[in-house]
N, C-alpha and C. Protein backbone atom coordinates (compact mmCIF):
# COMPACT_ATOMS: atom_id res chain seq x y z
N MET A 1 0.69 -1.12 0.03
CA MET A 1 -0.43 -0.10 0.09
C MET A 1 0.77 1.28 -0.11
N ASN A 2 0.27 2.07 -0.52
CA ASN A 2 0.92 3.82 -0.75
C ASN A 2 0.83 4.12 0.68
N PRO A 3 2.46 4.12 1.15
CA PRO A 3 2.63 4.82 2.02
C PRO A 3 1.90 6.09 2.80
N LEU A 4 1.44 6.69 1.77
CA LEU A 4 0.78 8.10 1.51
C LEU A 4 -0.86 7.84 2.41
N ARG A 5 -0.77 7.00 1.20
CA ARG A 5 -2.37 6.52 1.50
C ARG A 5 -2.74 6.02 2.86
N TRP A 6 -1.48 5.18 3.31
CA TRP A 6 -2.19 4.22 4.61
C TRP A 6 -2.14 5.52 5.93
N ARG A 7 -1.14 6.50 5.64
CA ARG A 7 -1.50 7.41 6.55
C ARG A 7 -2.79 8.32 6.78
N GLN A 8 -2.75 8.64 5.57
CA GLN A 8 -4.45 9.54 5.37
C GLN A 8 -5.45 8.60 5.75
N ASP A 9 -5.49 7.05 5.51
CA ASP A 9 -6.53 6.03 6.00
C ASP A 9 -6.48 5.86 7.78
N SER A 10 -5.55 6.00 8.47
CA SER A 10 -5.07 5.58 9.71
C SER A 10 -5.57 7.06 10.29
N MET A 11 -5.37 8.12 9.68
CA MET A 11 -5.83 9.34 10.65
C MET A 11 -7.42 9.38 10.19
N LYS A 12 -8.01 8.78 9.08
CA LYS A 12 -9.19 8.88 9.42
C LYS A 12 -9.95 8.04 10.48
N LYS A 13 -9.17 7.02 10.34
CA LYS A 13 -9.84 5.72 11.07
C LYS A 13 -9.50 6.45 12.45
N ILE A 14 -8.79 7.47 12.68
CA ILE A 14 -8.80 7.72 14.60
C ILE A 14 -9.46 9.00 14.41
N LEU A 15 -10.13 10.09 13.59
CA LEU A 15 -10.97 10.62 13.68
C LEU A 15 -11.90 10.80 13.97
N ILE A 16 -12.68 9.55 13.30
CA ILE A 16 -13.87 8.67 13.48
C ILE A 16 -14.27 7.65 14.83
N SER A 17 -12.74 7.26 15.35
CA SER A 17 -12.85 6.55 16.24
C SER A 17 -13.01 7.68 17.70
N PHE A 18 -12.42 9.13 17.25
CA PHE A 18 -12.80 9.78 18.88
C PHE A 18 -13.73 10.54 18.22
N ALA A 19 -14.89 10.90 17.36
CA ALA A 19 -16.07 11.20 17.13
C ALA A 19 -16.81 10.41 17.42
N LEU A 20 -16.35 9.44 17.68
CA LEU A 20 -17.66 7.95 18.09
C LEU A 20 -17.21 7.98 19.74
N LEU A 21 -16.12 8.21 20.35
CA LEU A 21 -15.91 8.65 21.42
C LEU A 21 -16.71 9.70 22.17
N VAL A 22 -16.56 10.09 21.50
CA VAL A 22 -17.38 11.96 21.62
C VAL A 22 -18.73 11.47 22.17
N ALA A 23 -19.21 10.87 20.91
CA ALA A 23 -20.83 10.44 21.06
C ALA A 23 -21.39 9.88 21.90
N CYS A 24 -20.35 8.74 22.48
CA CYS A 24 -20.80 7.81 23.21
C CYS A 24 -20.73 8.60 24.86
N LEU A 25 -19.91 9.39 25.33
CA LEU A 25 -19.85 9.91 26.18
C LEU A 25 -21.29 10.99 26.53
N ASP A 26 -21.02 11.83 25.54
CA ASP A 26 -22.52 12.48 24.82
C ASP A 26 -24.02 11.95 25.25
N ALA A 27 -23.74 10.82 24.88
CA ALA A 27 -24.98 9.93 25.14
C ALA A 27 -24.79 8.80 26.73
N LEU A 28 -23.96 9.11 27.08
CA LEU A 28 -23.81 8.39 28.25
C LEU A 28 -24.39 9.41 29.67
N GLY A 29 -24.00 10.62 29.33
CA GLY A 29 -24.55 11.90 29.70
C GLY A 29 -22.98 12.40 30.50
N VAL A 30 -21.97 12.14 30.01
CA VAL A 30 -20.46 12.92 31.28
C VAL A 30 -20.65 14.14 31.28
N GLY A 31 -20.44 14.85 32.12
CA GLY A 31 -21.24 16.22 31.96
C GLY A 31 -20.17 17.28 32.77
N GLY A 32 -18.74 16.48 32.82
CA GLY A 32 -17.44 17.76 32.60
C GLY A 32 -16.49 17.07 33.19
N LEU A 33 -15.52 17.06 32.73
CA LEU A 33 -13.99 16.16 33.10
C LEU A 33 -13.55 17.34 33.76
N VAL A 34 -12.25 17.50 35.35
CA VAL A 34 -12.03 18.36 35.76
C VAL A 34 -10.48 17.04 36.40
N ASN A 35 -9.65 18.66 36.79
CA ASN A 35 -8.49 17.93 37.09
C ASN A 35 -8.78 18.56 38.95
N PHE A 36 -8.91 17.19 39.89
CA PHE A 36 -9.37 18.20 41.37
C PHE A 36 -7.51 18.13 41.85
N ALA A 37 -7.24 18.85 41.77
CA ALA A 37 -5.74 19.05 42.29
C ALA A 37 -4.98 20.44 42.29
N ASN A 38 -4.52 20.81 43.87
CA ASN A 38 -3.84 22.36 43.99
C ASN A 38 -2.53 22.28 43.96
N SER A 39 -1.85 23.05 44.25
CA SER A 39 -0.33 22.99 43.72
C SER A 39 0.18 24.17 44.66
N PRO A 40 1.45 23.99 44.50
CA PRO A 40 2.76 24.97 45.34
C PRO A 40 2.18 26.22 46.04
N THR A 41 1.25 26.86 44.82
CA THR A 41 0.38 28.17 44.74
C THR A 41 -0.86 28.33 45.29
N THR A 42 -1.25 27.21 45.42
CA THR A 42 -3.05 26.98 45.96
C THR A 42 -2.69 26.06 47.04
N LEU A 43 -2.16 26.05 48.39
CA LEU A 43 -2.11 25.39 49.40
C LEU A 43 -3.28 25.51 50.12
N ILE A 44 -3.61 24.48 50.90
CA ILE A 44 -5.06 24.32 51.76
C ILE A 44 -4.51 24.25 53.17
N SER A 45 -4.25 25.56 54.01
CA SER A 45 -4.17 25.28 55.12
C SER A 45 -4.82 24.91 56.55
N ALA A 46 -4.50 24.63 57.49
CA ALA A 46 -5.41 24.19 59.11
C ALA A 46 -5.23 24.39 60.05
N ASP A 47 -5.87 25.59 60.34
CA ASP A 47 -5.35 26.81 61.51
C ASP A 47 -3.99 27.79 61.00
N GLY A 48 -3.94 27.86 59.33
CA GLY A 48 -2.83 28.98 59.59
C GLY A 48 -1.72 28.66 59.05
N VAL A 49 -1.82 26.79 58.97
CA VAL A 49 -0.49 26.59 58.49
C VAL A 49 -0.45 25.49 57.11
N PRO A 50 0.37 25.23 56.42
CA PRO A 50 0.02 23.89 55.39
C PRO A 50 -0.87 22.55 56.18
N MET A 51 -1.85 22.33 55.90
CA MET A 51 -2.32 21.30 56.16
C MET A 51 -1.37 19.81 56.37
N PRO A 52 -1.29 19.04 57.56
CA PRO A 52 -0.53 18.03 57.55
C PRO A 52 -1.00 17.45 56.63
N ILE A 53 0.10 15.89 56.19
CA ILE A 53 0.04 14.36 55.67
C ILE A 53 -1.01 14.27 55.60
N TYR A 54 -1.16 12.98 54.67
CA TYR A 54 -2.24 12.14 55.23
C TYR A 54 -2.00 11.66 56.68
N GLY A 55 -1.17 10.87 56.63
CA GLY A 55 -0.60 9.52 57.86
C GLY A 55 -0.58 10.64 58.84
N THR A 56 -0.20 11.60 59.51
CA THR A 56 -0.77 12.44 60.22
C THR A 56 -1.75 13.01 60.91
N GLN A 57 -2.23 13.23 60.21
CA GLN A 57 -4.09 14.01 59.88
C GLN A 57 -4.79 13.90 58.94
N PRO A 58 -5.81 12.38 58.45
CA PRO A 58 -6.46 12.33 57.34
C PRO A 58 -7.44 13.63 57.14
N PHE A 59 -7.51 14.04 56.28
CA PHE A 59 -8.63 14.93 55.83
C PHE A 59 -9.31 14.35 54.23
N ILE A 60 -10.54 14.92 54.26
CA ILE A 60 -11.31 14.64 53.09
C ILE A 60 -12.06 15.93 52.99
N PHE A 61 -11.85 16.03 50.97
CA PHE A 61 -12.86 17.04 50.07
C PHE A 61 -13.71 16.87 49.26
N ALA A 62 -14.18 17.76 49.36
CA ALA A 62 -15.49 17.52 48.54
C ALA A 62 -15.59 19.00 47.55
N ILE A 63 -16.26 18.00 46.04
CA ILE A 63 -16.28 19.20 45.36
C ILE A 63 -17.79 19.63 45.23
N PHE A 64 -18.45 20.86 44.98
CA PHE A 64 -19.97 21.42 45.14
C PHE A 64 -19.88 21.93 43.74
N VAL A 65 -20.85 21.79 42.88
CA VAL A 65 -21.11 22.41 41.76
C VAL A 65 -23.03 23.26 41.92
N ALA A 66 -23.03 24.34 41.22
CA ALA A 66 -24.46 24.63 41.17
C ALA A 66 -24.48 25.41 39.48
N PRO A 67 -26.01 26.19 39.10
CA PRO A 67 -25.63 27.00 38.00
C PRO A 67 -24.98 27.78 38.37
N ALA A 68 -24.54 28.79 37.21
CA ALA A 68 -23.69 29.34 36.75
C ALA A 68 -23.74 30.94 37.42
N THR A 69 -26.07 31.02 37.41
CA THR A 69 -26.42 32.26 38.15
C THR A 69 -26.61 32.24 39.55
N THR A 70 -25.84 31.19 40.37
CA THR A 70 -26.08 30.77 41.51
C THR A 70 -25.10 32.32 42.04
N VAL A 71 -23.91 32.54 42.11
CA VAL A 71 -23.39 33.81 42.79
C VAL A 71 -22.72 34.14 41.27
N ALA A 72 -23.38 35.98 42.16
CA ALA A 72 -22.86 36.71 40.78
C ALA A 72 -21.70 37.48 41.32
N THR A 73 -21.12 37.45 42.28
CA THR A 73 -20.07 38.11 42.47
C THR A 73 -18.87 37.34 42.84
N THR A 74 -17.61 37.78 42.90
CA THR A 74 -16.91 36.85 43.48
C THR A 74 -16.01 37.16 44.97
N GLY A 75 -15.41 35.84 45.63
CA GLY A 75 -15.26 35.88 46.57
C GLY A 75 -16.21 35.77 47.82
N ILE A 76 -17.36 35.16 47.58
CA ILE A 76 -18.32 34.82 48.47
C ILE A 76 -17.74 33.71 48.58
N THR A 77 -18.18 33.41 50.22
CA THR A 77 -17.78 31.79 50.83
C THR A 77 -19.33 31.41 51.13
N PRO A 78 -19.97 30.52 50.51
CA PRO A 78 -21.74 30.15 51.08
C PRO A 78 -20.89 29.46 52.75
N LEU A 79 -22.28 29.91 53.07
CA LEU A 79 -22.97 28.65 54.64
C LEU A 79 -22.55 27.42 54.42
N PHE A 80 -21.98 26.56 55.56
CA PHE A 80 -22.11 25.12 55.23
C PHE A 80 -23.63 25.35 55.55
N SER A 81 -24.79 25.57 55.90
CA SER A 81 -25.99 24.76 56.08
C SER A 81 -26.78 25.61 54.75
N ASP A 82 -25.86 26.48 53.68
CA ASP A 82 -26.81 26.60 52.07
C ASP A 82 -26.83 25.82 51.66
N PRO A 83 -28.85 25.24 51.23
CA PRO A 83 -29.16 24.74 50.48
C PRO A 83 -28.82 24.07 49.32
N VAL A 84 -28.35 24.98 48.82
CA VAL A 84 -27.46 25.31 47.36
C VAL A 84 -26.34 24.55 47.35
N TRP A 85 -25.52 24.35 47.90
CA TRP A 85 -24.25 23.80 47.99
C TRP A 85 -24.69 22.42 48.75
N GLN A 86 -25.22 21.64 48.69
CA GLN A 86 -25.30 20.01 49.87
C GLN A 86 -24.62 18.75 48.99
N LEU A 87 -25.09 18.97 47.90
CA LEU A 87 -24.71 17.62 46.74
C LEU A 87 -23.77 17.60 46.34
N ALA A 88 -22.24 16.81 47.04
CA ALA A 88 -20.88 16.57 46.78
C ALA A 88 -20.89 15.60 45.63
N VAL A 89 -20.38 15.98 44.48
CA VAL A 89 -20.02 15.59 43.01
C VAL A 89 -18.42 14.79 42.71
N GLY A 90 -18.13 14.96 43.98
CA GLY A 90 -16.35 14.18 43.95
C GLY A 90 -15.84 14.93 44.93
N TYR A 91 -15.34 13.48 46.23
CA TYR A 91 -14.23 13.57 47.20
C TYR A 91 -12.55 13.27 46.67
N ASN A 92 -11.93 13.65 47.81
CA ASN A 92 -10.78 13.51 47.59
C ASN A 92 -10.21 13.67 49.26
N THR A 93 -8.82 13.38 49.28
CA THR A 93 -7.92 13.30 50.47
C THR A 93 -6.65 14.38 50.50
N ASN A 94 -5.89 14.56 51.21
CA ASN A 94 -4.81 15.13 51.55
C ASN A 94 -3.80 14.39 50.93
N ASN A 95 -2.64 14.53 50.42
CA ASN A 95 -1.72 14.24 49.84
C ASN A 95 -0.95 13.25 51.20
N ALA A 96 -0.49 12.05 50.94
CA ALA A 96 0.89 11.50 51.36
C ALA A 96 1.75 11.78 52.24
N THR A 97 2.51 12.84 51.09
CA THR A 97 3.86 13.49 51.28
C THR A 97 4.08 14.95 51.61
N VAL A 98 3.08 15.79 50.89
CA VAL A 98 3.36 17.04 50.67
C VAL A 98 2.25 17.72 51.25
N PRO A 99 2.61 18.46 52.48
CA PRO A 99 1.44 19.47 53.37
C PRO A 99 0.95 20.30 52.57
N GLY A 100 -0.34 20.67 52.91
CA GLY A 100 -1.33 21.76 52.04
C GLY A 100 -1.15 21.23 50.66
N ARG A 101 -1.20 19.64 50.04
CA ARG A 101 -1.30 19.52 49.03
C ARG A 101 -2.89 18.49 49.07
N ILE A 102 -3.27 18.07 47.87
CA ILE A 102 -4.29 17.48 48.34
C ILE A 102 -3.95 16.36 46.64
N ASN A 103 -4.43 15.04 46.83
CA ASN A 103 -4.41 14.15 46.00
C ASN A 103 -5.19 14.42 44.43
N THR A 104 -4.33 13.83 43.82
CA THR A 104 -4.70 14.52 42.45
C THR A 104 -5.62 13.49 41.71
N ARG A 105 -6.74 13.68 41.40
CA ARG A 105 -8.00 13.00 40.91
C ARG A 105 -8.38 13.83 39.36
N SER A 106 -7.66 13.04 38.65
CA SER A 106 -8.19 13.45 36.63
C SER A 106 -8.79 12.88 36.46
N ASN A 107 -9.68 14.04 35.37
CA ASN A 107 -10.75 13.26 34.36
C ASN A 107 -11.65 12.89 35.60
N LEU A 108 -12.17 13.53 36.36
CA LEU A 108 -13.04 14.06 37.87
C LEU A 108 -14.47 14.40 36.80
N ASP A 109 -15.54 13.59 36.67
CA ASP A 109 -16.84 13.58 36.11
C ASP A 109 -17.70 14.61 37.56
N VAL A 110 -18.06 15.97 36.91
CA VAL A 110 -18.74 16.34 38.23
C VAL A 110 -19.63 17.03 37.77
N GLY A 111 -19.91 16.73 36.42
CA GLY A 111 -21.26 17.18 36.06
C GLY A 111 -22.74 16.28 36.01
N THR A 112 -22.29 15.12 35.91
CA THR A 112 -23.38 14.62 35.18
C THR A 112 -24.28 14.26 36.88
N ALA A 113 -23.73 14.36 38.35
CA ALA A 113 -24.47 13.76 39.43
C ALA A 113 -25.41 15.55 39.47
N GLY A 114 -25.04 16.42 39.14
CA GLY A 114 -25.19 17.54 39.38
C GLY A 114 -26.27 17.88 38.27
N GLY A 115 -26.24 17.36 37.12
CA GLY A 115 -27.22 17.34 35.83
C GLY A 115 -26.75 18.56 34.87
N PHE A 116 -25.61 18.63 34.64
CA PHE A 116 -24.80 19.76 33.66
C PHE A 116 -24.42 18.80 32.77
N GLY A 117 -23.78 19.17 31.99
CA GLY A 117 -23.48 18.79 30.11
C GLY A 117 -22.61 19.22 29.85
N ASP A 118 -22.11 18.66 28.98
CA ASP A 118 -20.54 19.23 28.39
C ASP A 118 -21.06 20.60 27.40
N GLY A 119 -20.42 21.52 27.96
CA GLY A 119 -20.43 22.90 27.69
C GLY A 119 -20.93 24.03 28.27
N ASP A 120 -21.89 23.17 29.61
CA ASP A 120 -22.24 24.14 30.47
C ASP A 120 -21.63 24.81 31.51
N GLN A 121 -21.96 26.22 31.84
CA GLN A 121 -20.88 26.80 33.36
C GLN A 121 -22.07 26.91 34.29
N VAL A 122 -20.62 26.65 35.31
CA VAL A 122 -21.45 26.28 36.38
C VAL A 122 -20.24 26.98 37.75
N ASP A 123 -21.24 27.37 39.03
CA ASP A 123 -20.35 28.13 40.01
C ASP A 123 -20.07 26.73 40.73
N PHE A 124 -18.97 26.73 41.16
CA PHE A 124 -18.42 25.69 42.47
C PHE A 124 -17.63 25.87 43.25
N ILE A 125 -17.83 24.90 44.36
CA ILE A 125 -17.02 25.26 45.77
C ILE A 125 -16.09 24.25 46.09
N VAL A 126 -14.87 24.21 47.06
CA VAL A 126 -14.42 23.16 47.60
C VAL A 126 -14.41 23.50 48.78
N ARG A 127 -15.07 22.28 49.53
CA ARG A 127 -15.26 21.96 51.68
C ARG A 127 -13.92 21.42 51.62
N GLY A 128 -13.25 21.31 52.46
CA GLY A 128 -12.60 20.32 53.59
C GLY A 128 -12.92 20.32 54.87
N TRP A 129 -12.92 18.90 55.46
CA TRP A 129 -12.70 18.54 56.84
C TRP A 129 -11.75 17.82 57.41
N SER A 130 -11.76 17.65 58.59
CA SER A 130 -11.28 16.79 59.29
C SER A 130 -11.70 15.10 59.31
N ALA A 131 -11.16 13.64 58.80
CA ALA A 131 -11.44 12.60 58.10
C ALA A 131 -12.29 12.19 59.77
N ASN A 132 -12.21 12.51 60.62
CA ASN A 132 -12.94 11.92 62.52
C ASN A 132 -13.82 12.70 62.49
N ALA A 133 -14.49 13.70 61.58
CA ALA A 133 -15.74 14.08 61.63
C ALA A 133 -16.80 13.23 60.62
N GLY A 134 -16.39 12.42 59.79
CA GLY A 134 -17.03 12.05 58.67
C GLY A 134 -16.30 11.81 57.31
N GLY A 135 -16.72 10.65 56.52
CA GLY A 135 -15.79 10.42 55.31
C GLY A 135 -17.25 11.08 54.19
N THR A 136 -17.96 11.48 54.44
CA THR A 136 -19.38 12.18 53.15
C THR A 136 -19.39 13.63 54.08
N TRP A 137 -19.87 14.39 52.97
CA TRP A 137 -19.96 15.44 53.39
C TRP A 137 -21.26 15.65 54.41
N ALA A 138 -22.61 14.81 54.41
CA ALA A 138 -23.43 14.33 55.25
C ALA A 138 -23.18 14.28 56.66
N GLU A 139 -21.88 13.37 56.37
CA GLU A 139 -21.26 13.13 57.90
C GLU A 139 -20.46 13.99 58.74
N ALA A 140 -20.11 14.91 57.69
CA ALA A 140 -19.05 16.25 58.47
C ALA A 140 -20.53 17.33 58.64
N LYS A 141 -21.26 17.62 58.13
CA LYS A 141 -22.42 18.39 58.19
C LYS A 141 -22.79 18.10 59.07
N THR A 142 -23.44 16.57 59.75
CA THR A 142 -24.07 16.31 60.97
C THR A 142 -23.30 16.37 62.41
N SER A 143 -21.65 16.30 62.31
CA SER A 143 -20.90 16.47 63.29
C SER A 143 -20.07 17.73 63.26
N TRP A 144 -20.75 18.59 62.37
CA TRP A 144 -20.57 20.23 63.14
C TRP A 144 -21.59 21.14 63.06
N ASN A 145 -22.76 20.42 62.96
CA ASN A 145 -23.94 20.58 63.92
C ASN A 145 -23.79 22.22 63.89
N ASP A 146 -24.24 22.86 63.06
CA ASP A 146 -24.79 24.09 63.05
C ASP A 146 -23.86 24.92 64.07
N GLY A 147 -22.63 24.45 63.59
CA GLY A 147 -21.34 25.70 64.94
C GLY A 147 -21.46 24.78 66.30
N ALA A 148 -22.32 24.03 66.45
CA ALA A 148 -22.08 23.43 67.86
C ALA A 148 -21.39 21.65 67.50
N PRO A 149 -20.36 21.96 67.06
CA PRO A 149 -20.15 20.26 66.70
C PRO A 149 -19.90 19.14 68.12
N LEU A 150 -19.78 18.00 67.25
CA LEU A 150 -20.50 16.99 67.93
C LEU A 150 -19.25 16.17 68.87
N MET A 151 -17.56 17.00 68.18
CA MET A 151 -16.47 16.55 68.68
C MET A 151 -15.36 17.50 67.80
N PRO A 152 -14.44 17.92 68.70
CA PRO A 152 -13.32 18.65 67.88
C PRO A 152 -13.11 18.00 66.53
N MET A 153 -12.87 19.44 65.69
CA MET A 153 -12.91 18.79 64.28
C MET A 153 -12.09 19.79 63.24
N PHE A 154 -11.29 19.81 62.10
CA PHE A 154 -11.60 21.22 61.58
C PHE A 154 -12.56 21.59 60.30
N ILE A 155 -12.86 22.61 59.79
CA ILE A 155 -13.57 22.57 58.72
C ILE A 155 -13.43 24.02 57.76
N GLY A 156 -13.78 23.79 56.68
CA GLY A 156 -13.40 25.51 56.00
C GLY A 156 -14.26 24.97 54.21
N SER A 157 -13.77 26.26 53.62
CA SER A 157 -14.59 26.37 52.47
C SER A 157 -13.75 27.22 51.94
N SER A 158 -13.87 26.87 50.30
CA SER A 158 -12.95 27.93 49.37
C SER A 158 -14.02 28.92 49.35
N THR A 159 -13.79 30.03 48.27
CA THR A 159 -14.95 30.84 47.86
C THR A 159 -15.07 29.89 46.44
N VAL A 160 -16.18 30.73 46.04
CA VAL A 160 -17.38 30.29 44.92
C VAL A 160 -16.13 30.48 43.50
N GLY A 161 -15.97 29.91 42.52
CA GLY A 161 -15.85 30.10 41.17
C GLY A 161 -16.75 29.97 40.43
N ASN A 162 -16.57 31.15 39.61
CA ASN A 162 -17.63 31.69 38.96
C ASN A 162 -17.40 30.74 37.67
N ASP A 163 -18.64 30.95 36.87
CA ASP A 163 -18.77 30.95 35.50
C ASP A 163 -17.33 29.85 35.05
N PHE A 164 -17.14 28.16 35.75
CA PHE A 164 -16.77 27.27 35.39
C PHE A 164 -16.86 26.68 34.07
N TYR A 165 -16.44 26.56 33.13
CA TYR A 165 -16.71 25.66 31.73
C TYR A 165 -16.34 24.05 32.07
N LEU A 166 -17.38 23.64 31.81
CA LEU A 166 -17.59 22.07 32.25
C LEU A 166 -17.46 21.88 30.21
N SER A 167 -16.44 20.05 30.26
CA SER A 167 -16.25 20.01 28.73
C SER A 167 -15.63 18.26 29.21
N PHE A 168 -16.39 17.74 28.07
CA PHE A 168 -15.50 16.12 28.73
C PHE A 168 -14.73 15.79 27.54
N GLU A 169 -14.37 16.88 26.36
CA GLU A 169 -13.26 16.77 25.79
C GLU A 169 -11.65 17.15 26.26
N PHE A 170 -11.70 17.91 27.06
CA PHE A 170 -10.53 18.16 27.80
C PHE A 170 -10.79 18.47 29.63
N THR A 171 -9.68 18.24 29.99
CA THR A 171 -9.94 18.40 31.44
C THR A 171 -9.59 20.05 31.94
N THR A 172 -10.33 20.58 33.10
CA THR A 172 -9.99 21.67 33.50
C THR A 172 -9.54 21.72 35.13
N ARG A 173 -8.63 22.54 35.03
CA ARG A 173 -8.14 22.82 36.30
C ARG A 173 -9.49 23.34 37.43
N VAL A 174 -9.66 22.80 38.95
CA VAL A 174 -10.53 23.36 39.71
C VAL A 174 -9.56 24.38 40.53
N PHE A 175 -8.42 24.41 40.71
CA PHE A 175 -7.54 25.38 41.47
C PHE A 175 -6.62 26.15 40.60
N GLY A 176 -6.33 27.31 40.99
CA GLY A 176 -5.36 28.07 40.01
C GLY A 176 -5.74 29.58 40.36
N SER A 177 -5.28 30.84 38.95
CA SER A 177 -5.33 31.75 39.26
C SER A 177 -6.38 32.64 38.01
N GLY A 178 -6.85 31.75 37.65
CA GLY A 178 -7.64 32.10 36.42
C GLY A 178 -9.02 32.78 37.59
N LEU A 179 -9.86 33.27 36.53
CA LEU A 179 -11.43 34.26 37.37
C LEU A 179 -12.31 33.02 37.50
N SER A 180 -12.33 31.76 36.89
CA SER A 180 -13.23 30.82 37.00
C SER A 180 -13.00 29.18 38.52
N GLN A 181 -11.52 29.98 38.51
CA GLN A 181 -10.91 29.01 39.43
C GLN A 181 -11.13 29.54 40.92
N ILE A 182 -10.49 28.34 41.38
CA ILE A 182 -10.24 29.36 43.47
C ILE A 182 -8.73 28.54 43.51
N ALA A 183 -8.57 29.36 44.88
CA ALA A 183 -7.50 29.67 45.49
C ALA A 183 -7.48 28.42 46.79
N GLY A 184 -6.09 28.08 47.10
CA GLY A 184 -6.10 27.37 48.58
C GLY A 184 -7.09 28.07 49.15
N PHE A 185 -7.41 27.43 50.57
CA PHE A 185 -7.95 28.20 51.67
C PHE A 185 -7.97 27.71 52.97
N ASN A 186 -8.35 27.79 54.05
CA ASN A 186 -7.74 27.68 55.74
C ASN A 186 -9.39 26.68 55.77
N MET A 187 -8.68 25.85 56.39
CA MET A 187 -9.82 25.33 57.31
C MET A 187 -9.07 25.24 59.11
N VAL A 188 -10.21 25.62 60.06
CA VAL A 188 -10.23 26.23 61.59
C VAL A 188 -10.58 24.85 62.41
N SER A 189 -9.84 24.66 63.30
CA SER A 189 -10.56 23.94 64.08
C SER A 189 -11.63 24.18 65.01
N VAL A 190 -12.72 23.45 65.30
CA VAL A 190 -13.87 23.61 66.53
C VAL A 190 -14.02 22.91 66.92
N PRO A 191 -13.65 23.38 68.63
CA PRO A 191 -13.59 22.37 69.44
C PRO A 191 -15.43 22.00 69.70
N GLU A 192 -15.60 21.09 70.55
CA GLU A 192 -16.70 20.26 70.83
C GLU A 192 -17.51 21.59 72.00
N PRO A 193 -18.57 21.73 71.98
CA PRO A 193 -19.25 22.76 73.12
C PRO A 193 -18.44 22.36 74.46
N SER A 194 -19.03 21.29 74.95
CA SER A 194 -18.19 20.29 76.35
C SER A 194 -17.24 21.01 76.43
N MET A 195 -15.79 20.95 75.39
CA MET A 195 -14.38 21.37 75.58
C MET A 195 -14.92 23.10 76.18
N LEU A 196 -15.78 23.71 74.91
CA LEU A 196 -15.40 25.31 75.13
C LEU A 196 -16.04 25.42 76.64
N ALA A 197 -16.76 24.99 77.23
CA ALA A 197 -17.18 25.11 78.49
C ALA A 197 -15.83 24.87 79.61
N LEU A 198 -15.41 23.64 79.08
CA LEU A 198 -14.67 23.44 79.93
C LEU A 198 -13.71 24.63 80.05
N VAL A 199 -12.81 25.01 78.95
CA VAL A 199 -12.26 26.12 79.20
C VAL A 199 -12.61 28.13 79.63
N GLY A 200 -13.99 28.01 79.58
CA GLY A 200 -14.32 28.73 79.82
C GLY A 200 -14.00 28.59 81.48
N LEU A 201 -14.50 27.65 82.04
CA LEU A 201 -14.75 27.15 83.74
C LEU A 201 -13.19 27.62 84.42
N SER A 202 -12.01 27.04 83.29
CA SER A 202 -10.97 26.98 83.72
C SER A 202 -10.92 28.52 83.83
N ALA A 203 -11.13 29.23 82.92
CA ALA A 203 -10.68 30.53 82.75
C ALA A 203 -11.26 31.59 84.14
N SER A 204 -12.35 31.23 84.15
CA SER A 204 -13.06 31.81 85.29
C SER A 204 -11.66 31.19 86.59
N ALA A 205 -11.95 30.18 86.90
CA ALA A 205 -11.24 30.04 88.23
C ALA A 205 -10.07 30.56 88.11
N LEU A 206 -9.59 31.15 87.47
CA LEU A 206 -7.68 31.28 87.12
C LEU A 206 -8.36 32.94 87.22
N TRP A 207 -9.53 33.57 87.31
CA TRP A 207 -9.55 34.93 87.37
C TRP A 207 -10.08 35.15 88.92
N LEU A 208 -10.62 34.28 89.05
CA LEU A 208 -11.09 34.63 90.61
C LEU A 208 -10.05 34.48 91.44
N SER A 209 -9.29 33.08 90.96
CA SER A 209 -7.70 33.04 92.19
C SER A 209 -7.27 33.90 91.99
N ARG A 210 -6.62 34.76 91.04
CA ARG A 210 -6.10 35.97 90.87
C ARG A 210 -6.49 37.09 91.76
N ARG A 211 -8.02 37.27 91.71
CA ARG A 211 -8.64 38.48 92.75
C ARG A 211 -8.41 38.01 93.76
N ARG A 212 -8.27 36.39 94.56
CA ARG A 212 -8.18 36.66 95.80
C ARG A 212 -6.46 36.95 96.11
N VAL A 213 -5.67 36.74 95.72
CA VAL A 213 -4.41 37.04 95.32
C VAL A 213 -4.37 38.44 95.56
N LEU A 214 -4.57 39.13 94.95
CA LEU A 214 -4.25 40.60 94.56
C LEU A 214 -5.37 41.29 95.79
N ARG A 215 -6.24 40.56 96.60
CA ARG A 215 -6.86 41.27 97.69
C ARG A 215 -6.05 40.67 98.72
């Protein structure tokens, strides 16, 4: 066979295969592939310092999507109880070797679960919490208990990534410096109410003892 003709036939087969793949993905409802990972410039912290590695303290992260019209301005951090941001469409954990980093989840479909398709634009957030509070967002939210946590835990959220473009033809990065991406964020430690009460009692006792000494 003529080498040129062979190359042309091979290229035609590749293009046909790609078109069939795209059609299959569309039929299956694959709604948007993302790279769920951060970088040295988008680190996640815990109480203001880079989050420890998984073996020291495990953390869970979830990504949530909503219609692009949900948040009109930048820099907004939704409440944990906000009903719009309750469906987690993908999970991740902190890295085993690098503080402040999460594992890389490439080609994660975040559109299908939320009812979004290829070419749609969405708003999204990422939330993180210490694994002792639960392996799913529903469990972590229960442990957080509207700000009166049932156990000492870490919890935090990114700001909203606005008008994020979904595609199944190429993978889009969630973290970054782009207008539709998010930066790193901080998780804060929240003690359970009984611990707060104990701290308060200790502080009161110390204050009373100092008053007695001063008298």
